[in-house]
Amino acid sequence: MPASPASRTVAVIPARHASTRFPGKPLALIAGRPMIEHVWNRCQEAKAFDEVVVATDDERIRATVEGFGGRAVMTSPDCATGTDRVAEVARGRPDVDVWVNVQGDEPLVDPAALRLLAGLFQDATVRMGTLVRPLEPDEAGSPNVVKAVLALNGDALYFSRSLVPFVREPGTPVKRWGHIGLYGYRRDVLLSLAGLASTPLEEAEKLEQLRALEHGISIRCAQVNWRTVAVDVPEDVAKVEAVMRERGRQP
């Protein structure tokens, strides 16, 4: 594994107010604090980043972030995806080589998992990285849980909403992985992806990471045991608070 020369690594938390299913989601209070603050704190706890930045197009989010001592960057309201928003920040920062996209609806994101993701780029050959975890049996048939198939070196071969790989002969041992939607990129890869049109497999599966694979960009996968507890709808707030109480995180 060739070592990468020392480079700056920045975590960006894309945060928009106009969520279809949960408007104002980044500002939703969880255990008395806005969700975006919880995500920010988890990134700080990782101690893997030279900077942590919230990228938003909403002044209310910017004011909230600056209110708890964080840093926010205003980005265009025309950004279609979180990747586009991260790329907009990266475009003006040629001094930063590695960018990590941390979803703003993951208040329980594991700092150790973030360290592992950032650490992938110590290998100079890694251009893009993400996380996978063991797939639970009850998730096999769910199209909402993305499955990953890995090469022997840990690179992704494919991502799908279907159960892959297909096991022709029952009993054949095979490891199954669920994908965690956190990504790291070299700056040149990030900017390249943001400028590419969507691809056939990406459109079919509605999985943005397939655009990279279809263009021949390898994605190194770090394996973790952490299972995400994301906030998609208002009802998820109570679920996250329950986990926080179990883990002793709630004030």
Protein backbone atom coordinates (compact mmCIF):
# COMPACT_ATOMS: atom_id res chain seq x y z
CA MET A 1 0.00 0.00 0.00
CA PRO A 2 1.83 3.15 -1.14
CA ALA A 3 1.51 5.93 1.42
CA SER A 4 -0.09 9.17 0.35
CA PRO A 5 1.84 12.37 1.06
CA ALA A 6 0.43 14.47 3.89
CA SER A 7 -2.67 16.30 2.66
CA ARG A 8 -5.51 18.29 4.11
CA THR A 9 -8.79 16.51 4.76
CA VAL A 10 -12.05 18.41 5.17
CA ALA A 11 -15.48 17.09 6.17
CA VAL A 12 -18.46 18.80 4.57
CA ILE A 13 -21.99 18.38 5.92
CA PRO A 14 -24.50 19.31 3.18
CA ALA A 15 -27.64 20.77 4.77
CA ARG A 16 -30.70 22.12 3.01
CA HIS A 17 -33.91 23.37 4.58
CA ALA A 18 -36.32 22.33 1.82
CA SER A 19 -36.57 18.60 2.47
CA THR A 20 -39.69 17.13 0.87
CA ARG A 21 -40.48 14.67 3.65
CA PHE A 22 -39.16 16.75 6.54
CA PRO A 23 -38.87 20.52 5.88
CA GLY A 24 -36.30 22.17 8.12
CA LYS A 25 -34.78 18.80 9.04
CA PRO A 26 -31.25 20.07 9.87
CA LEU A 27 -32.76 22.35 12.53
CA ALA A 28 -34.99 19.69 14.12
CA LEU A 29 -34.31 19.48 17.84
CA ILE A 30 -32.87 16.20 19.07
CA ALA A 31 -32.27 16.01 22.81
CA GLY A 32 -32.68 19.78 22.90
CA ARG A 33 -30.06 20.59 20.25
CA PRO A 34 -30.45 21.01 16.46
CA MET A 35 -29.64 17.90 14.46
CA ILE A 36 -26.92 19.65 12.47
CA GLU A 37 -25.06 20.33 15.73
CA HIS A 38 -25.07 16.64 16.62
CA VAL A 39 -23.58 15.77 13.22
CA TRP A 40 -20.98 18.52 13.62
CA ASN A 41 -20.01 17.21 17.06
CA ARG A 42 -19.59 13.65 15.76
CA CYS A 43 -17.25 14.95 13.04
CA GLN A 44 -15.21 16.83 15.63
CA GLU A 45 -15.02 13.74 17.83
CA ALA A 46 -13.54 11.78 14.93
CA LYS A 47 -10.38 13.93 15.09
CA ALA A 48 -9.77 13.02 11.45
CA PHE A 49 -10.39 16.36 9.75
CA ASP A 50 -8.45 19.58 9.40
CA GLU A 51 -11.77 21.39 9.09
CA VAL A 52 -15.49 20.66 9.39
CA VAL A 53 -17.81 22.78 7.26
CA VAL A 54 -21.58 22.90 6.84
CA ALA A 55 -22.59 23.65 3.23
CA THR A 56 -26.07 25.15 3.01
CA ASP A 57 -28.26 27.43 0.92
CA ASP A 58 -30.35 28.62 3.85
CA GLU A 59 -29.60 31.57 6.12
CA ARG A 60 -31.42 29.96 9.05
CA ILE A 61 -29.09 26.99 8.95
CA ARG A 62 -26.04 29.24 8.56
CA ALA A 63 -27.08 31.29 11.60
CA THR A 64 -27.70 28.16 13.68
CA VAL A 65 -24.31 26.67 12.80
CA GLU A 66 -22.46 29.88 13.59
CA GLY A 67 -24.49 30.14 16.80
CA PHE A 68 -23.00 26.94 18.20
CA GLY A 69 -19.51 27.89 17.04
CA GLY A 70 -19.41 25.98 13.76
CA ARG A 71 -18.48 27.16 10.29
CA ALA A 72 -21.01 27.38 7.47
CA VAL A 73 -20.47 28.09 3.77
CA MET A 74 -23.31 29.36 1.61
CA THR A 75 -23.79 27.38 -1.60
CA SER A 76 -26.13 27.64 -4.57
CA PRO A 77 -29.79 26.65 -4.16
CA ASP A 78 -29.46 24.97 -7.55
CA CYS A 79 -27.28 22.13 -6.20
CA ALA A 80 -29.19 18.96 -7.06
CA THR A 81 -27.39 16.64 -4.64
CA GLY A 82 -25.19 16.71 -1.57
CA THR A 83 -22.26 15.76 -3.79
CA ASP A 84 -22.87 18.87 -5.90
CA ARG A 85 -22.87 20.98 -2.74
CA VAL A 86 -19.59 19.47 -1.52
CA ALA A 87 -18.08 19.97 -4.97
CA GLU A 88 -19.06 23.64 -4.93
CA VAL A 89 -17.12 24.11 -1.69
CA ALA A 90 -14.16 22.10 -3.02
CA ARG A 91 -14.01 24.11 -6.24
CA GLY A 92 -12.71 27.12 -4.36
CA ARG A 93 -10.29 25.14 -2.16
CA PRO A 94 -7.39 23.76 -4.23
CA ASP A 95 -5.41 23.52 -0.98
CA VAL A 96 -7.52 20.54 0.17
CA ASP A 97 -6.90 17.12 -1.40
CA VAL A 98 -9.46 14.91 0.40
CA TRP A 99 -13.12 15.75 0.91
CA VAL A 100 -15.50 13.68 3.03
CA ASN A 101 -19.24 14.04 2.51
CA VAL A 102 -21.05 13.49 5.84
CA GLN A 103 -24.83 13.30 5.60
CA GLY A 104 -26.58 15.92 7.67
CA ASP A 105 -29.32 13.52 8.79
CA GLU A 106 -26.93 11.17 10.64
CA PRO A 107 -26.83 12.56 14.22
CA LEU A 108 -25.47 9.23 15.46
CA VAL A 109 -22.73 8.84 12.87
CA ASP A 110 -19.89 6.87 14.43
CA PRO A 111 -16.70 8.97 14.84
CA ALA A 112 -14.62 5.78 14.51
CA ALA A 113 -16.27 5.05 11.16
CA LEU A 114 -15.45 8.57 9.99
CA ARG A 115 -11.81 8.04 11.01
CA LEU A 116 -11.71 4.80 9.06
CA LEU A 117 -13.18 6.47 5.97
CA ALA A 118 -10.72 9.35 6.10
CA GLY A 119 -7.89 6.91 6.74
CA LEU A 120 -8.49 5.11 3.44
CA PHE A 121 -6.76 8.00 1.69
CA GLN A 122 -3.45 7.26 3.38
CA ASP A 123 -3.17 4.86 0.44
CA ALA A 124 -2.19 7.05 -2.52
CA THR A 125 -4.01 4.73 -4.94
CA VAL A 126 -7.44 5.35 -3.36
CA ARG A 127 -9.44 7.87 -5.36
CA MET A 128 -12.85 7.47 -3.74
CA GLY A 129 -14.02 5.68 -0.60
CA THR A 130 -17.15 4.67 1.27
CA LEU A 131 -18.34 2.40 4.09
CA VAL A 132 -20.07 -0.98 4.20
CA ARG A 133 -21.36 -3.12 7.04
CA PRO A 134 -22.60 -6.72 7.35
CA LEU A 135 -26.08 -7.04 5.86
CA GLU A 136 -28.72 -8.13 8.37
CA PRO A 137 -30.99 -11.05 7.33
CA ASP A 138 -34.13 -8.91 7.65
CA GLU A 139 -32.72 -6.40 5.15
CA ALA A 140 -32.21 -8.82 2.27
CA GLY A 141 -35.48 -8.02 0.50
CA SER A 142 -35.61 -4.30 1.20
CA PRO A 143 -34.90 -1.98 -1.75
CA ASN A 144 -34.26 0.79 0.78
CA VAL A 145 -31.10 -0.96 2.00
CA VAL A 146 -28.43 -0.76 -0.67
CA LYS A 147 -26.28 -3.87 -1.09
CA ALA A 148 -22.62 -3.81 -2.03
CA VAL A 149 -20.52 -6.47 -3.74
CA LEU A 150 -16.79 -6.21 -3.06
CA ALA A 151 -13.62 -7.31 -4.82
CA LEU A 152 -10.96 -9.12 -2.81
CA ASN A 153 -9.03 -5.87 -2.32
CA GLY A 154 -12.11 -4.13 -0.88
CA ASP A 155 -13.05 -2.15 -3.99
CA ALA A 156 -16.73 -2.04 -4.88
CA LEU A 157 -17.77 -4.21 -7.81
CA TYR A 158 -21.41 -3.08 -7.76
CA PHE A 159 -24.14 -1.52 -5.64
CA SER A 160 -27.78 -2.55 -5.96
CA ARG A 161 -31.16 -2.29 -4.30
CA SER A 162 -31.60 -5.98 -5.17
CA LEU A 163 -30.04 -8.81 -3.21
CA VAL A 164 -26.67 -9.43 -4.82
CA PRO A 165 -24.80 -11.63 -5.45
CA PHE A 166 -27.27 -14.31 -6.48
CA VAL A 167 -26.39 -17.65 -4.84
CA ARG A 168 -27.14 -20.41 -7.33
CA GLU A 169 -26.49 -23.31 -4.99
CA PRO A 170 -28.00 -22.94 -1.50
CA GLY A 171 -25.46 -23.16 1.28
CA THR A 172 -22.64 -21.56 -0.69
CA PRO A 173 -20.93 -19.21 1.77
CA VAL A 174 -20.91 -15.57 0.69
CA LYS A 175 -20.46 -12.34 2.60
CA ARG A 176 -23.23 -9.82 2.12
CA TRP A 177 -22.70 -6.13 2.71
CA GLY A 178 -25.03 -3.21 3.29
CA HIS A 179 -23.85 0.18 2.07
CA ILE A 180 -23.55 3.25 4.32
CA GLY A 181 -23.93 6.41 2.24
CA LEU A 182 -20.87 8.33 3.42
CA TYR A 183 -18.20 9.15 0.85
CA GLY A 184 -14.67 10.43 0.62
CA TYR A 185 -13.09 11.77 -2.58
CA ARG A 186 -9.85 13.09 -3.94
CA ARG A 187 -10.60 16.63 -5.05
CA ASP A 188 -10.09 15.90 -8.76
CA VAL A 189 -12.47 12.93 -8.62
CA LEU A 190 -15.12 14.92 -6.77
CA LEU A 191 -15.03 17.76 -9.27
CA SER A 192 -15.07 15.34 -12.19
CA LEU A 193 -18.10 13.44 -10.87
CA ALA A 194 -20.03 16.64 -10.22
CA GLY A 195 -19.56 17.59 -13.89
CA LEU A 196 -20.68 14.28 -15.37
CA ALA A 197 -24.18 13.50 -16.56
CA SER A 198 -26.10 10.69 -14.89
CA THR A 199 -25.44 7.22 -16.28
CA PRO A 200 -27.72 4.30 -17.28
CA LEU A 201 -27.16 2.13 -14.21
CA GLU A 202 -27.39 5.16 -11.93
CA GLU A 203 -30.76 6.02 -13.46
CA ALA A 204 -32.00 2.43 -13.24
CA GLU A 205 -31.08 1.89 -9.58
CA LYS A 206 -31.31 5.55 -8.51
CA LEU A 207 -27.87 5.21 -6.90
CA GLU A 208 -25.49 8.09 -7.47
CA GLN A 209 -22.36 6.05 -6.69
CA LEU A 210 -22.93 3.94 -9.81
CA ARG A 211 -21.96 6.96 -11.88
CA ALA A 212 -18.42 6.60 -10.56
CA LEU A 213 -18.26 2.87 -11.30
CA GLU A 214 -19.69 3.33 -14.79
CA HIS A 215 -16.93 5.84 -15.52
CA GLY A 216 -14.24 3.47 -14.28
CA ILE A 217 -13.61 5.22 -10.94
CA SER A 218 -12.87 2.62 -8.29
CA ILE A 219 -14.44 2.96 -4.84
CA ARG A 220 -12.55 1.51 -1.87
CA CYS A 221 -14.86 0.20 0.87
CA ALA A 222 -14.00 0.24 4.56
CA GLN A 223 -15.82 -2.41 6.57
CA VAL A 224 -17.52 -1.42 9.83
CA ASN A 225 -20.09 -2.92 12.19
CA TRP A 226 -21.95 0.33 12.80
CA ARG A 227 -25.59 0.38 11.68
CA THR A 228 -26.91 3.79 10.78
CA VAL A 229 -29.90 5.44 12.48
CA ALA A 230 -30.79 8.23 10.08
CA VAL A 231 -33.55 10.83 10.35
CA ASP A 232 -35.75 10.73 7.25
CA VAL A 233 -39.13 11.75 8.69
CA PRO A 234 -40.20 13.54 11.92
CA GLU A 235 -41.04 10.23 13.60
CA ASP A 236 -37.37 9.23 13.40
CA VAL A 237 -36.39 11.89 15.95
CA ALA A 238 -37.85 9.83 18.81
CA LYS A 239 -35.95 6.75 17.57
CA VAL A 240 -32.65 8.63 17.61
CA GLU A 241 -33.33 10.04 21.08
CA ALA A 242 -34.06 6.52 22.36
CA VAL A 243 -30.69 5.31 21.03
CA MET A 244 -28.99 8.33 22.61
CA ARG A 245 -30.48 7.45 25.98
CA GLU A 246 -29.26 3.87 25.61
CA ARG A 247 -25.76 5.10 24.80
CA GLY A 248 -25.71 7.75 27.51
CA ARG A 249 -25.48 10.61 25.03
CA GLN A 250 -28.68 12.46 25.87
CA PRO A 251 -28.28 15.39 28.31
